[in-house]
Amino acid sequence: MKSKNSMYYLLWQQNTISNWPIYHTLYDKCHAELTMYCLSILSNPKIAKLIAFEALLELMNHLDDKTVKNPDAWVINLVAQKCHQHQARA
């Protein structure tokens, strides 16, 4: 069962019954925050924005997945992982 306190899950649940596409809501509410987190690891703003964008797209694909117990932690871990992968390649 998903955490009922998860911001991402609550946004997803709210948008399944509305006409506003969830991606826009997630992007509007979370992209800047995820980008700032990326920038705490990386120094490149363009890469940070791209990683945050990719993480939100991946989150969209997994919000219905019962294996994702805590979407908030999941997306933060994904962003950190992508940032560290980028650093390793650079």
PDB file of N, CA and C in Angstrom:
ATOM      1  N   MET A   1       0.836  -1.180   0.000  1.00  0.00           N
ATOM      2  CA  MET A   1       0.000   0.000   0.000  1.00  0.00           C
ATOM      3  C   MET A   1       0.883   1.247   0.000  1.00  0.00           C
ATOM      4  N   LYS A   2       0.506   2.220  -0.777  1.00  0.00           N
ATOM      5  CA  LYS A   2       1.275   3.444  -0.881  1.00  0.00           C
ATOM      6  C   LYS A   2       1.088   4.310   0.359  1.00  0.00           C
ATOM      7  N   SER A   3       2.093   5.098   0.659  1.00  0.00           N
ATOM      8  CA  SER A   3       2.011   6.016   1.779  1.00  0.00           C
ATOM      9  C   SER A   3       0.970   7.086   1.486  1.00  0.00           C
ATOM     10  N   LYS A   4       0.034   7.264   2.377  1.00  0.00           N
ATOM     11  CA  LYS A   4      -1.010   8.260   2.168  1.00  0.00           C
ATOM     12  C   LYS A   4      -0.489   9.671   2.370  1.00  0.00           C
ATOM     13  N   ASN A   5       0.725   9.811   2.894  1.00  0.00           N
ATOM     14  CA  ASN A   5       1.323  11.122   3.086  1.00  0.00           C
ATOM     15  C   ASN A   5       2.218  11.519   1.921  1.00  0.00           C
ATOM     16  N   SER A   6       2.378  10.657   0.954  1.00  0.00           N
ATOM     17  CA  SER A   6       3.250  10.930  -0.166  1.00  0.00           C
ATOM     18  C   SER A   6       2.665  12.034  -1.045  1.00  0.00           C
ATOM     19  N   MET A   7       3.430  13.096  -1.225  1.00  0.00           N
ATOM     20  CA  MET A   7       2.978  14.200  -2.061  1.00  0.00           C
ATOM     21  C   MET A   7       2.735  13.727  -3.489  1.00  0.00           C
ATOM     22  N   TYR A   8       3.634  12.897  -4.005  1.00  0.00           N
ATOM     23  CA  TYR A   8       3.503  12.436  -5.378  1.00  0.00           C
ATOM     24  C   TYR A   8       2.279  11.539  -5.543  1.00  0.00           C
ATOM     25  N   TYR A   9       2.079  10.669  -4.583  1.00  0.00           N
ATOM     26  CA  TYR A   9       0.920   9.781  -4.666  1.00  0.00           C
ATOM     27  C   TYR A   9      -0.381  10.561  -4.544  1.00  0.00           C
ATOM     28  N   LEU A  10      -0.441  11.530  -3.635  1.00  0.00           N
ATOM     29  CA  LEU A  10      -1.657  12.328  -3.485  1.00  0.00           C
ATOM     30  C   LEU A  10      -1.951  13.125  -4.746  1.00  0.00           C
ATOM     31  N   LEU A  11      -0.917  13.669  -5.375  1.00  0.00           N
ATOM     32  CA  LEU A  11      -1.123  14.389  -6.639  1.00  0.00           C
ATOM     33  C   LEU A  11      -1.634  13.444  -7.717  1.00  0.00           C
ATOM     34  N   TRP A  12      -1.047  12.251  -7.767  1.00  0.00           N
ATOM     35  CA  TRP A  12      -1.485  11.266  -8.757  1.00  0.00           C
ATOM     36  C   TRP A  12      -2.944  10.890  -8.524  1.00  0.00           C
ATOM     37  N   GLN A  13      -3.294  10.626  -7.276  1.00  0.00           N
ATOM     38  CA  GLN A  13      -4.653  10.231  -6.939  1.00  0.00           C
ATOM     39  C   GLN A  13      -5.640  11.353  -7.259  1.00  0.00           C
ATOM     40  N   GLN A  14      -5.281  12.564  -6.929  1.00  0.00           N
ATOM     41  CA  GLN A  14      -6.130  13.716  -7.202  1.00  0.00           C
ATOM     42  C   GLN A  14      -6.361  13.880  -8.697  1.00  0.00           C
ATOM     43  N   ASN A  15      -5.342  13.666  -9.481  1.00  0.00           N
ATOM     44  CA  ASN A  15      -5.447  13.910 -10.913  1.00  0.00           C
ATOM     45  C   ASN A  15      -6.061  12.761 -11.689  1.00  0.00           C
ATOM     46  N   THR A  16      -6.244  11.617 -11.072  1.00  0.00           N
ATOM     47  CA  THR A  16      -6.918  10.538 -11.779  1.00  0.00           C
ATOM     48  C   THR A  16      -8.412  10.826 -11.899  1.00  0.00           C
ATOM     49  N   ILE A  17      -8.926  11.749 -11.078  1.00  0.00           N
ATOM     50  CA  ILE A  17     -10.347  12.068 -11.151  1.00  0.00           C
ATOM     51  C   ILE A  17     -10.609  13.452 -11.740  1.00  0.00           C
ATOM     52  N   SER A  18      -9.544  14.167 -12.095  1.00  0.00           N
ATOM     53  CA  SER A  18      -9.741  15.485 -12.693  1.00  0.00           C
ATOM     54  C   SER A  18      -9.339  15.449 -14.160  1.00  0.00           C
ATOM     55  N   ASN A  19      -9.585  16.540 -14.843  1.00  0.00           N
ATOM     56  CA  ASN A  19      -9.236  16.619 -16.259  1.00  0.00           C
ATOM     57  C   ASN A  19      -7.827  17.149 -16.486  1.00  0.00           C
ATOM     58  N   TRP A  20      -7.214  17.713 -15.453  1.00  0.00           N
ATOM     59  CA  TRP A  20      -5.878  18.270 -15.590  1.00  0.00           C
ATOM     60  C   TRP A  20      -4.862  17.142 -15.617  1.00  0.00           C
ATOM     61  N   PRO A  21      -4.060  17.077 -16.642  1.00  0.00           N
ATOM     62  CA  PRO A  21      -3.074  15.984 -16.722  1.00  0.00           C
ATOM     63  C   PRO A  21      -2.106  16.001 -15.544  1.00  0.00           C
ATOM     64  N   ILE A  22      -1.867  14.840 -14.999  1.00  0.00           N
ATOM     65  CA  ILE A  22      -1.017  14.730 -13.815  1.00  0.00           C
ATOM     66  C   ILE A  22       0.396  15.216 -14.073  1.00  0.00           C
ATOM     67  N   TYR A  23       0.921  14.979 -15.258  1.00  0.00           N
ATOM     68  CA  TYR A  23       2.305  15.372 -15.480  1.00  0.00           C
ATOM     69  C   TYR A  23       2.491  16.866 -15.259  1.00  0.00           C
ATOM     70  N   HIS A  24       1.550  17.665 -15.749  1.00  0.00           N
ATOM     71  CA  HIS A  24       1.666  19.115 -15.578  1.00  0.00           C
ATOM     72  C   HIS A  24       1.641  19.495 -14.101  1.00  0.00           C
ATOM     73  N   THR A  25       0.799  18.840 -13.331  1.00  0.00           N
ATOM     74  CA  THR A  25       0.726  19.131 -11.900  1.00  0.00           C
ATOM     75  C   THR A  25       2.025  18.731 -11.211  1.00  0.00           C
ATOM     76  N   LEU A  26       2.512  17.533 -11.496  1.00  0.00           N
ATOM     77  CA  LEU A  26       3.772  17.093 -10.899  1.00  0.00           C
ATOM     78  C   LEU A  26       4.905  18.020 -11.312  1.00  0.00           C
ATOM     79  N   TYR A  27       4.941  18.371 -12.577  1.00  0.00           N
ATOM     80  CA  TYR A  27       6.001  19.252 -13.068  1.00  0.00           C
ATOM     81  C   TYR A  27       5.939  20.599 -12.364  1.00  0.00           C
ATOM     82  N   ASP A  28       4.740  21.192 -12.317  1.00  0.00           N
ATOM     83  CA  ASP A  28       4.583  22.510 -11.691  1.00  0.00           C
ATOM     84  C   ASP A  28       4.962  22.498 -10.219  1.00  0.00           C
ATOM     85  N   LYS A  29       4.602  21.447  -9.510  1.00  0.00           N
ATOM     86  CA  LYS A  29       4.809  21.403  -8.063  1.00  0.00           C
ATOM     87  C   LYS A  29       6.184  20.865  -7.662  1.00  0.00           C
ATOM     88  N   CYS A  30       6.797  20.044  -8.502  1.00  0.00           N
ATOM     89  CA  CYS A  30       7.960  19.292  -8.043  1.00  0.00           C
ATOM     90  C   CYS A  30       9.243  19.491  -8.849  1.00  0.00           C
ATOM     91  N   HIS A  31       9.152  19.938 -10.089  1.00  0.00           N
ATOM     92  CA  HIS A  31      10.353  20.010 -10.927  1.00  0.00           C
ATOM     93  C   HIS A  31      11.411  20.929 -10.333  1.00  0.00           C
ATOM     94  N   ALA A  32      11.009  22.107  -9.880  1.00  0.00           N
ATOM     95  CA  ALA A  32      11.988  23.054  -9.321  1.00  0.00           C
ATOM     96  C   ALA A  32      12.683  22.465  -8.090  1.00  0.00           C
ATOM     97  N   GLU A  33      11.897  21.805  -7.246  1.00  0.00           N
ATOM     98  CA  GLU A  33      12.456  21.193  -6.040  1.00  0.00           C
ATOM     99  C   GLU A  33      13.450  20.081  -6.382  1.00  0.00           C
ATOM    100  N   LEU A  34      13.086  19.233  -7.342  1.00  0.00           N
ATOM    101  CA  LEU A  34      13.986  18.155  -7.749  1.00  0.00           C
ATOM    102  C   LEU A  34      15.232  18.710  -8.434  1.00  0.00           C
ATOM    103  N   THR A  35      15.058  19.783  -9.212  1.00  0.00           N
ATOM    104  CA  THR A  35      16.204  20.412  -9.863  1.00  0.00           C
ATOM    105  C   THR A  35      17.171  20.967  -8.824  1.00  0.00           C
ATOM    106  N   MET A  36      16.648  21.595  -7.782  1.00  0.00           N
ATOM    107  CA  MET A  36      17.507  22.122  -6.718  1.00  0.00           C
ATOM    108  C   MET A  36      18.265  20.988  -6.026  1.00  0.00           C
ATOM    109  N   TYR A  37      17.586  19.857  -5.836  1.00  0.00           N
ATOM    110  CA  TYR A  37      18.260  18.705  -5.235  1.00  0.00           C
ATOM    111  C   TYR A  37      19.395  18.230  -6.145  1.00  0.00           C
ATOM    112  N   CYS A  38      19.119  18.167  -7.445  1.00  0.00           N
ATOM    113  CA  CYS A  38      20.169  17.776  -8.399  1.00  0.00           C
ATOM    114  C   CYS A  38      21.352  18.735  -8.325  1.00  0.00           C
ATOM    115  N   LEU A  39      21.060  20.018  -8.221  1.00  0.00           N
ATOM    116  CA  LEU A  39      22.125  21.014  -8.163  1.00  0.00           C
ATOM    117  C   LEU A  39      22.960  20.904  -6.886  1.00  0.00           C
ATOM    118  N   SER A  40      22.398  20.277  -5.854  1.00  0.00           N
ATOM    119  CA  SER A  40      23.196  20.059  -4.647  1.00  0.00           C
ATOM    120  C   SER A  40      24.241  18.967  -4.879  1.00  0.00           C
ATOM    121  N   ILE A  41      24.051  18.185  -5.933  1.00  0.00           N
ATOM    122  CA  ILE A  41      24.988  17.117  -6.272  1.00  0.00           C
ATOM    123  C   ILE A  41      25.844  17.506  -7.483  1.00  0.00           C
ATOM    124  N   LEU A  42      25.207  18.115  -8.472  1.00  0.00           N
ATOM    125  CA  LEU A  42      25.878  18.508  -9.712  1.00  0.00           C
ATOM    126  C   LEU A  42      26.058  20.018  -9.759  1.00  0.00           C
ATOM    127  N   SER A  43      26.898  20.479 -10.669  1.00  0.00           N
ATOM    128  CA  SER A  43      27.075  21.924 -10.814  1.00  0.00           C
ATOM    129  C   SER A  43      26.520  22.439 -12.142  1.00  0.00           C
ATOM    130  N   ASN A  44      25.939  21.562 -12.940  1.00  0.00           N
ATOM    131  CA  ASN A  44      25.440  21.941 -14.255  1.00  0.00           C
ATOM    132  C   ASN A  44      23.914  22.091 -14.219  1.00  0.00           C
ATOM    133  N   PRO A  45      23.390  23.322 -14.315  1.00  0.00           N
ATOM    134  CA  PRO A  45      21.940  23.533 -14.246  1.00  0.00           C
ATOM    135  C   PRO A  45      21.151  22.835 -15.359  1.00  0.00           C
ATOM    136  N   LYS A  46      21.723  22.774 -16.567  1.00  0.00           N
ATOM    137  CA  LYS A  46      21.015  22.116 -17.671  1.00  0.00           C
ATOM    138  C   LYS A  46      20.850  20.622 -17.406  1.00  0.00           C
ATOM    139  N   ILE A  47      21.894  19.996 -16.946  1.00  0.00           N
ATOM    140  CA  ILE A  47      21.832  18.561 -16.628  1.00  0.00           C
ATOM    141  C   ILE A  47      20.900  18.326 -15.452  1.00  0.00           C
ATOM    142  N   ALA A  48      20.939  19.207 -14.467  1.00  0.00           N
ATOM    143  CA  ALA A  48      20.058  19.070 -13.295  1.00  0.00           C
ATOM    144  C   ALA A  48      18.591  19.125 -13.714  1.00  0.00           C
ATOM    145  N   LYS A  49      18.236  20.064 -14.587  1.00  0.00           N
ATOM    146  CA  LYS A  49      16.855  20.170 -15.073  1.00  0.00           C
ATOM    147  C   LYS A  49      16.448  18.931 -15.848  1.00  0.00           C
ATOM    148  N   LEU A  50      17.359  18.426 -16.676  1.00  0.00           N
ATOM    149  CA  LEU A  50      17.075  17.233 -17.472  1.00  0.00           C
ATOM    150  C   LEU A  50      16.862  16.009 -16.585  1.00  0.00           C
ATOM    151  N   ILE A  51      17.695  15.841 -15.591  1.00  0.00           N
ATOM    152  CA  ILE A  51      17.564  14.698 -14.681  1.00  0.00           C
ATOM    153  C   ILE A  51      16.243  14.784 -13.913  1.00  0.00           C
ATOM    154  N   ALA A  52      15.883  15.970 -13.445  1.00  0.00           N
ATOM    155  CA  ALA A  52      14.613  16.141 -12.727  1.00  0.00           C
ATOM    156  C   ALA A  52      13.439  15.810 -13.642  1.00  0.00           C
ATOM    157  N   PHE A  53      13.508  16.252 -14.882  1.00  0.00           N
ATOM    158  CA  PHE A  53      12.464  15.971 -15.865  1.00  0.00           C
ATOM    159  C   PHE A  53      12.336  14.464 -16.108  1.00  0.00           C
ATOM    160  N   GLU A  54      13.459  13.801 -16.331  1.00  0.00           N
ATOM    161  CA  GLU A  54      13.455  12.350 -16.560  1.00  0.00           C
ATOM    162  C   GLU A  54      12.911  11.599 -15.347  1.00  0.00           C
ATOM    163  N   ALA A  55      13.272  12.047 -14.168  1.00  0.00           N
ATOM    164  CA  ALA A  55      12.792  11.388 -12.947  1.00  0.00           C
ATOM    165  C   ALA A  55      11.278  11.501 -12.826  1.00  0.00           C
ATOM    166  N   LEU A  56      10.720  12.657 -13.164  1.00  0.00           N
ATOM    167  CA  LEU A  56       9.261  12.809 -13.117  1.00  0.00           C
ATOM    168  C   LEU A  56       8.579  11.901 -14.132  1.00  0.00           C
ATOM    169  N   LEU A  57       9.169  11.762 -15.310  1.00  0.00           N
ATOM    170  CA  LEU A  57       8.594  10.851 -16.313  1.00  0.00           C
ATOM    171  C   LEU A  57       8.632   9.406 -15.821  1.00  0.00           C
ATOM    172  N   GLU A  58       9.743   9.007 -15.219  1.00  0.00           N
ATOM    173  CA  GLU A  58       9.837   7.643 -14.681  1.00  0.00           C
ATOM    174  C   GLU A  58       8.857   7.436 -13.536  1.00  0.00           C
ATOM    175  N   LEU A  59       8.701   8.458 -12.703  1.00  0.00           N
ATOM    176  CA  LEU A  59       7.740   8.367 -11.608  1.00  0.00           C
ATOM    177  C   LEU A  59       6.336   8.148 -12.153  1.00  0.00           C
ATOM    178  N   MET A  60       5.998   8.837 -13.226  1.00  0.00           N
ATOM    179  CA  MET A  60       4.676   8.671 -13.845  1.00  0.00           C
ATOM    180  C   MET A  60       4.436   7.213 -14.236  1.00  0.00           C
ATOM    181  N   ASN A  61       5.473   6.563 -14.720  1.00  0.00           N
ATOM    182  CA  ASN A  61       5.349   5.169 -15.136  1.00  0.00           C
ATOM    183  C   ASN A  61       5.219   4.210 -13.966  1.00  0.00           C
ATOM    184  N   HIS A  62       5.605   4.638 -12.760  1.00  0.00           N
ATOM    185  CA  HIS A  62       5.637   3.739 -11.613  1.00  0.00           C
ATOM    186  C   HIS A  62       4.635   4.057 -10.512  1.00  0.00           C
ATOM    187  N   LEU A  63       3.859   5.113 -10.645  1.00  0.00           N
ATOM    188  CA  LEU A  63       2.934   5.467  -9.576  1.00  0.00           C
ATOM    189  C   LEU A  63       1.864   4.406  -9.339  1.00  0.00           C
ATOM    190  N   ASP A  64       1.527   3.674 -10.362  1.00  0.00           N
ATOM    191  CA  ASP A  64       0.543   2.609 -10.234  1.00  0.00           C
ATOM    192  C   ASP A  64       1.164   1.294  -9.778  1.00  0.00           C
ATOM    193  N   ASP A  65       2.476   1.265  -9.702  1.00  0.00           N
ATOM    194  CA  ASP A  65       3.228   0.058  -9.371  1.00  0.00           C
ATOM    195  C   ASP A  65       3.178  -0.205  -7.862  1.00  0.00           C
ATOM    196  N   LYS A  66       2.694  -1.366  -7.493  1.00  0.00           N
ATOM    197  CA  LYS A  66       2.554  -1.701  -6.073  1.00  0.00           C
ATOM    198  C   LYS A  66       3.907  -1.890  -5.375  1.00  0.00           C
ATOM    199  N   THR A  67       4.976  -2.028  -6.136  1.00  0.00           N
ATOM    200  CA  THR A  67       6.282  -2.201  -5.505  1.00  0.00           C
ATOM    201  C   THR A  67       6.867  -0.876  -5.021  1.00  0.00           C
ATOM    202  N   VAL A  68       6.316   0.249  -5.475  1.00  0.00           N
ATOM    203  CA  VAL A  68       6.782   1.560  -5.012  1.00  0.00           C
ATOM    204  C   VAL A  68       5.965   1.924  -3.781  1.00  0.00           C
ATOM    205  N   LYS A  69       6.546   1.680  -2.618  1.00  0.00           N
ATOM    206  CA  LYS A  69       5.840   1.906  -1.351  1.00  0.00           C
ATOM    207  C   LYS A  69       5.820   3.380  -0.960  1.00  0.00           C
ATOM    208  N   ASN A  70       6.897   4.088  -1.262  1.00  0.00           N
ATOM    209  CA  ASN A  70       7.013   5.486  -0.878  1.00  0.00           C
ATOM    210  C   ASN A  70       7.501   6.290  -2.085  1.00  0.00           C
ATOM    211  N   PRO A  71       6.588   6.840  -2.890  1.00  0.00           N
ATOM    212  CA  PRO A  71       6.995   7.562  -4.102  1.00  0.00           C
ATOM    213  C   PRO A  71       7.929   8.740  -3.837  1.00  0.00           C
ATOM    214  N   ASP A  72       7.772   9.405  -2.692  1.00  0.00           N
ATOM    215  CA  ASP A  72       8.644  10.536  -2.378  1.00  0.00           C
ATOM    216  C   ASP A  72      10.105  10.069  -2.291  1.00  0.00           C
ATOM    217  N   ALA A  73      10.342   9.052  -1.503  1.00  0.00           N
ATOM    218  CA  ALA A  73      11.691   8.517  -1.349  1.00  0.00           C
ATOM    219  C   ALA A  73      12.183   7.902  -2.660  1.00  0.00           C
ATOM    220  N   TRP A  74      11.294   7.255  -3.375  1.00  0.00           N
ATOM    221  CA  TRP A  74      11.655   6.602  -4.631  1.00  0.00           C
ATOM    222  C   TRP A  74      12.200   7.619  -5.623  1.00  0.00           C
ATOM    223  N   VAL A  75      11.502   8.740  -5.791  1.00  0.00           N
ATOM    224  CA  VAL A  75      11.933   9.727  -6.790  1.00  0.00           C
ATOM    225  C   VAL A  75      13.214  10.431  -6.337  1.00  0.00           C
ATOM    226  N   ILE A  76      13.373  10.678  -5.039  1.00  0.00           N
ATOM    227  CA  ILE A  76      14.606  11.291  -4.544  1.00  0.00           C
ATOM    228  C   ILE A  76      15.795  10.345  -4.767  1.00  0.00           C
ATOM    229  N   ASN A  77      15.595   9.068  -4.485  1.00  0.00           N
ATOM    230  CA  ASN A  77      16.655   8.085  -4.728  1.00  0.00           C
ATOM    231  C   ASN A  77      16.994   7.981  -6.207  1.00  0.00           C
ATOM    232  N   LEU A  78      15.977   8.035  -7.053  1.00  0.00           N
ATOM    233  CA  LEU A  78      16.196   7.969  -8.492  1.00  0.00           C
ATOM    234  C   LEU A  78      17.016   9.168  -8.963  1.00  0.00           C
ATOM    235  N   VAL A  79      16.661  10.342  -8.495  1.00  0.00           N
ATOM    236  CA  VAL A  79      17.395  11.555  -8.878  1.00  0.00           C
ATOM    237  C   VAL A  79      18.850  11.462  -8.418  1.00  0.00           C
ATOM    238  N   ALA A  80      19.068  11.044  -7.193  1.00  0.00           N
ATOM    239  CA  ALA A  80      20.432  10.906  -6.679  1.00  0.00           C
ATOM    240  C   ALA A  80      21.221   9.903  -7.520  1.00  0.00           C
ATOM    241  N   GLN A  81      20.579   8.788  -7.835  1.00  0.00           N
ATOM    242  CA  GLN A  81      21.233   7.753  -8.635  1.00  0.00           C
ATOM    243  C   GLN A  81      21.617   8.297 -10.007  1.00  0.00           C
ATOM    244  N   LYS A  82      20.693   9.017 -10.651  1.00  0.00           N
ATOM    245  CA  LYS A  82      20.972   9.583 -11.977  1.00  0.00           C
ATOM    246  C   LYS A  82      22.086  10.632 -11.901  1.00  0.00           C
ATOM    247  N   CYS A  83      22.108  11.426 -10.869  1.00  0.00           N
ATOM    248  CA  CYS A  83      23.162  12.436 -10.697  1.00  0.00           C
ATOM    249  C   CYS A  83      24.522  11.756 -10.541  1.00  0.00           C
ATOM    250  N   HIS A  84      24.585  10.720  -9.716  1.00  0.00           N
ATOM    251  CA  HIS A  84      25.844  10.022  -9.501  1.00  0.00           C
ATOM    252  C   HIS A  84      26.296   9.291 -10.754  1.00  0.00           C
ATOM    253  N   GLN A  85      25.351   8.754 -11.525  1.00  0.00           N
ATOM    254  CA  GLN A  85      25.708   8.118 -12.799  1.00  0.00           C
ATOM    255  C   GLN A  85      26.287   9.144 -13.759  1.00  0.00           C
ATOM    256  N   HIS A  86      25.683  10.327 -13.779  1.00  0.00           N
ATOM    257  CA  HIS A  86      26.194  11.382 -14.652  1.00  0.00           C
ATOM    258  C   HIS A  86      27.615  11.780 -14.240  1.00  0.00           C
ATOM    259  N   GLN A  87      27.851  11.908 -12.942  1.00  0.00           N
ATOM    260  CA  GLN A  87      29.190  12.262 -12.452  1.00  0.00           C
ATOM    261  C   GLN A  87      30.207  11.199 -12.833  1.00  0.00           C
ATOM    262  N   ALA A  88      29.808   9.938 -12.765  1.00  0.00           N
ATOM    263  CA  ALA A  88      30.734   8.847 -13.081  1.00  0.00           C
ATOM    264  C   ALA A  88      31.104   8.855 -14.571  1.00  0.00           C
ATOM    265  N   ARG A  89      30.163   9.244 -15.419  1.00  0.00           N
ATOM    266  CA  ARG A  89      30.417   9.292 -16.857  1.00  0.00           C
ATOM    267  C   ARG A  89      31.232  10.521 -17.253  1.00  0.00           C
ATOM    268  N   ALA A  90      31.128  11.585 -16.485  1.00  0.00           N
ATOM    269  CA  ALA A  90      31.805  12.848 -16.847  1.00  0.00           C
ATOM    270  C   ALA A  90      33.283  12.817 -16.564  1.00  0.00           C
TER     271      ALA A  90
END
